[in-house]
Amino acid sequence: MDGVVEIITGRERRRRWSLDDKLRLVAEMADPGARVRAVAARHGVCESLLFAWRRQVRDGVLTASELDFGHFRSCVGPEVRL
Protein backbone atom coordinates (compact mmCIF):
# COMPACT_ATOMS: atom_id res chain seq x y z
CA MET A 1 0.00 0.00 0.00
CA ASP A 2 1.76 3.11 -1.26
CA GLY A 3 0.51 6.36 0.17
CA VAL A 4 1.42 9.58 1.82
CA VAL A 5 1.08 10.05 5.53
CA GLU A 6 0.81 13.58 6.83
CA ILE A 7 1.56 14.22 10.47
CA ILE A 8 0.00 17.37 11.83
CA THR A 9 1.89 18.62 14.85
CA GLY A 10 0.18 21.90 15.50
CA ARG A 11 -2.28 24.45 14.25
CA GLU A 12 -1.71 25.85 10.82
CA ARG A 13 -2.35 29.54 10.67
CA ARG A 14 -4.22 31.19 7.87
CA ARG A 15 -2.15 32.96 5.29
CA ARG A 16 -2.67 36.68 5.06
CA TRP A 17 -2.89 37.94 1.49
CA SER A 18 -1.98 41.54 0.73
CA LEU A 19 -4.32 43.67 -1.35
CA ASP A 20 -1.85 43.68 -4.23
CA ASP A 21 -1.58 39.86 -4.11
CA LYS A 22 -5.37 39.51 -4.21
CA LEU A 23 -5.70 41.87 -7.15
CA ARG A 24 -2.83 40.21 -9.00
CA LEU A 25 -4.47 36.79 -8.66
CA VAL A 26 -7.85 38.14 -9.79
CA ALA A 27 -6.17 39.68 -12.84
CA GLU A 28 -4.32 36.42 -13.50
CA MET A 29 -7.63 34.51 -13.49
CA ALA A 30 -8.91 36.76 -16.28
CA ASP A 31 -5.94 36.18 -18.60
CA PRO A 32 -6.92 34.46 -21.86
CA GLY A 33 -6.85 30.69 -21.38
CA ALA A 34 -6.40 30.92 -17.60
CA ARG A 35 -8.16 28.32 -15.48
CA VAL A 36 -9.22 29.17 -11.93
CA ARG A 37 -8.19 25.72 -10.73
CA ALA A 38 -4.67 26.17 -12.15
CA VAL A 39 -4.26 29.66 -10.67
CA ALA A 40 -5.45 28.41 -7.28
CA ALA A 41 -3.12 25.40 -7.32
CA ARG A 42 -0.13 27.46 -8.45
CA HIS A 43 -0.53 29.89 -5.55
CA GLY A 44 -1.83 27.48 -2.91
CA VAL A 45 -5.19 29.14 -2.46
CA CYS A 46 -8.73 27.76 -2.46
CA GLU A 47 -10.72 28.29 -5.68
CA SER A 48 -13.66 29.67 -3.72
CA LEU A 49 -11.42 32.36 -2.26
CA LEU A 50 -10.44 33.50 -5.75
CA PHE A 51 -14.10 33.72 -6.74
CA ALA A 52 -14.84 35.73 -3.58
CA TRP A 53 -12.00 38.15 -4.36
CA ARG A 54 -13.23 38.54 -7.94
CA ARG A 55 -16.72 39.33 -6.66
CA GLN A 56 -15.27 41.87 -4.20
CA VAL A 57 -13.39 43.57 -7.04
CA ARG A 58 -16.60 43.79 -9.09
CA ASP A 59 -18.47 45.19 -6.07
CA GLY A 60 -15.76 47.80 -5.45
CA VAL A 61 -14.69 46.34 -2.10
CA LEU A 62 -11.17 45.58 -3.36
CA THR A 63 -9.70 48.43 -5.36
CA ALA A 64 -6.49 48.66 -7.37
CA SER A 65 -3.60 50.60 -5.93
CA GLU A 66 -0.41 50.02 -7.92
CA LEU A 67 -1.57 47.91 -10.87
CA ASP A 68 -1.56 48.52 -14.59
CA PHE A 69 -5.05 50.00 -14.64
CA GLY A 70 -5.67 49.32 -18.35
CA HIS A 71 -4.95 45.61 -17.98
CA PHE A 72 -6.89 45.44 -14.73
CA ARG A 73 -10.00 47.06 -16.21
CA SER A 74 -9.95 44.71 -19.16
CA CYS A 75 -9.74 41.73 -16.79
CA VAL A 76 -12.70 42.51 -14.58
CA GLY A 77 -14.89 44.63 -16.84
CA PRO A 78 -15.83 48.28 -17.21
CA GLU A 79 -18.32 48.30 -14.34
CA VAL A 80 -15.54 48.23 -11.73
CA ARG A 81 -14.88 51.50 -9.94
CA LEU A 82 -11.14 52.14 -9.58
C-alpha atoms as a PDB file:
ATOM      1  CA  MET A   1       0.000   0.000   0.000  1.00  0.00           C
ATOM      2  CA  ASP A   2       1.759   3.111  -1.259  1.00  0.00           C
ATOM      3  CA  GLY A   3       0.513   6.356   0.167  1.00  0.00           C
ATOM      4  CA  VAL A   4       1.419   9.584   1.821  1.00  0.00           C
ATOM      5  CA  VAL A   5       1.080  10.052   5.533  1.00  0.00           C
ATOM      6  CA  GLU A   6       0.813  13.585   6.829  1.00  0.00           C
ATOM      7  CA  ILE A   7       1.559  14.221  10.470  1.00  0.00           C
ATOM      8  CA  ILE A   8      -0.002  17.369  11.829  1.00  0.00           C
ATOM      9  CA  THR A   9       1.887  18.618  14.851  1.00  0.00           C
ATOM     10  CA  GLY A  10       0.179  21.902  15.504  1.00  0.00           C
ATOM     11  CA  ARG A  11      -2.276  24.452  14.246  1.00  0.00           C
ATOM     12  CA  GLU A  12      -1.713  25.847  10.817  1.00  0.00           C
ATOM     13  CA  ARG A  13      -2.354  29.541  10.669  1.00  0.00           C
ATOM     14  CA  ARG A  14      -4.216  31.194   7.872  1.00  0.00           C
ATOM     15  CA  ARG A  15      -2.147  32.961   5.291  1.00  0.00           C
ATOM     16  CA  ARG A  16      -2.672  36.682   5.062  1.00  0.00           C
ATOM     17  CA  TRP A  17      -2.892  37.935   1.491  1.00  0.00           C
ATOM     18  CA  SER A  18      -1.977  41.540   0.727  1.00  0.00           C
ATOM     19  CA  LEU A  19      -4.323  43.666  -1.347  1.00  0.00           C
ATOM     20  CA  ASP A  20      -1.849  43.681  -4.231  1.00  0.00           C
ATOM     21  CA  ASP A  21      -1.584  39.861  -4.106  1.00  0.00           C
ATOM     22  CA  LYS A  22      -5.367  39.506  -4.213  1.00  0.00           C
ATOM     23  CA  LEU A  23      -5.699  41.874  -7.146  1.00  0.00           C
ATOM     24  CA  ARG A  24      -2.825  40.214  -8.999  1.00  0.00           C
ATOM     25  CA  LEU A  25      -4.466  36.794  -8.657  1.00  0.00           C
ATOM     26  CA  VAL A  26      -7.847  38.141  -9.792  1.00  0.00           C
ATOM     27  CA  ALA A  27      -6.172  39.680 -12.836  1.00  0.00           C
ATOM     28  CA  GLU A  28      -4.318  36.416 -13.504  1.00  0.00           C
ATOM     29  CA  MET A  29      -7.626  34.514 -13.491  1.00  0.00           C
ATOM     30  CA  ALA A  30      -8.910  36.758 -16.278  1.00  0.00           C
ATOM     31  CA  ASP A  31      -5.941  36.180 -18.601  1.00  0.00           C
ATOM     32  CA  PRO A  32      -6.922  34.458 -21.856  1.00  0.00           C
ATOM     33  CA  GLY A  33      -6.846  30.690 -21.380  1.00  0.00           C
ATOM     34  CA  ALA A  34      -6.404  30.922 -17.604  1.00  0.00           C
ATOM     35  CA  ARG A  35      -8.159  28.323 -15.475  1.00  0.00           C
ATOM     36  CA  VAL A  36      -9.217  29.172 -11.933  1.00  0.00           C
ATOM     37  CA  ARG A  37      -8.189  25.723 -10.728  1.00  0.00           C
ATOM     38  CA  ALA A  38      -4.669  26.167 -12.151  1.00  0.00           C
ATOM     39  CA  VAL A  39      -4.255  29.659 -10.668  1.00  0.00           C
ATOM     40  CA  ALA A  40      -5.455  28.410  -7.285  1.00  0.00           C
ATOM     41  CA  ALA A  41      -3.118  25.402  -7.322  1.00  0.00           C
ATOM     42  CA  ARG A  42      -0.130  27.460  -8.451  1.00  0.00           C
ATOM     43  CA  HIS A  43      -0.532  29.888  -5.551  1.00  0.00           C
ATOM     44  CA  GLY A  44      -1.829  27.478  -2.906  1.00  0.00           C
ATOM     45  CA  VAL A  45      -5.193  29.139  -2.457  1.00  0.00           C
ATOM     46  CA  CYS A  46      -8.734  27.756  -2.463  1.00  0.00           C
ATOM     47  CA  GLU A  47     -10.725  28.286  -5.676  1.00  0.00           C
ATOM     48  CA  SER A  48     -13.662  29.674  -3.724  1.00  0.00           C
ATOM     49  CA  LEU A  49     -11.423  32.364  -2.258  1.00  0.00           C
ATOM     50  CA  LEU A  50     -10.440  33.497  -5.755  1.00  0.00           C
ATOM     51  CA  PHE A  51     -14.104  33.716  -6.743  1.00  0.00           C
ATOM     52  CA  ALA A  52     -14.835  35.728  -3.584  1.00  0.00           C
ATOM     53  CA  TRP A  53     -12.004  38.154  -4.356  1.00  0.00           C
ATOM     54  CA  ARG A  54     -13.227  38.540  -7.942  1.00  0.00           C
ATOM     55  CA  ARG A  55     -16.724  39.335  -6.656  1.00  0.00           C
ATOM     56  CA  GLN A  56     -15.268  41.871  -4.202  1.00  0.00           C
ATOM     57  CA  VAL A  57     -13.389  43.568  -7.043  1.00  0.00           C
ATOM     58  CA  ARG A  58     -16.602  43.790  -9.090  1.00  0.00           C
ATOM     59  CA  ASP A  59     -18.474  45.192  -6.072  1.00  0.00           C
ATOM     60  CA  GLY A  60     -15.759  47.803  -5.453  1.00  0.00           C
ATOM     61  CA  VAL A  61     -14.689  46.336  -2.098  1.00  0.00           C
ATOM     62  CA  LEU A  62     -11.168  45.583  -3.361  1.00  0.00           C
ATOM     63  CA  THR A  63      -9.700  48.432  -5.362  1.00  0.00           C
ATOM     64  CA  ALA A  64      -6.492  48.662  -7.373  1.00  0.00           C
ATOM     65  CA  SER A  65      -3.595  50.602  -5.929  1.00  0.00           C
ATOM     66  CA  GLU A  66      -0.410  50.021  -7.923  1.00  0.00           C
ATOM     67  CA  LEU A  67      -1.570  47.915 -10.866  1.00  0.00           C
ATOM     68  CA  ASP A  68      -1.561  48.520 -14.586  1.00  0.00           C
ATOM     69  CA  PHE A  69      -5.055  50.000 -14.645  1.00  0.00           C
ATOM     70  CA  GLY A  70      -5.673  49.316 -18.350  1.00  0.00           C
ATOM     71  CA  HIS A  71      -4.946  45.613 -17.976  1.00  0.00           C
ATOM     72  CA  PHE A  72      -6.891  45.442 -14.728  1.00  0.00           C
ATOM     73  CA  ARG A  73     -10.002  47.060 -16.206  1.00  0.00           C
ATOM     74  CA  SER A  74      -9.946  44.711 -19.156  1.00  0.00           C
ATOM     75  CA  CYS A  75      -9.743  41.732 -16.790  1.00  0.00           C
ATOM     76  CA  VAL A  76     -12.703  42.511 -14.584  1.00  0.00           C
ATOM     77  CA  GLY A  77     -14.894  44.627 -16.843  1.00  0.00           C
ATOM     78  CA  PRO A  78     -15.832  48.279 -17.215  1.00  0.00           C
ATOM     79  CA  GLU A  79     -18.320  48.302 -14.337  1.00  0.00           C
ATOM     80  CA  VAL A  80     -15.536  48.227 -11.733  1.00  0.00           C
ATOM     81  CA  ARG A  81     -14.879  51.504  -9.945  1.00  0.00           C
ATOM     82  CA  LEU A  82     -11.139  52.141  -9.578  1.00  0.00           C
END
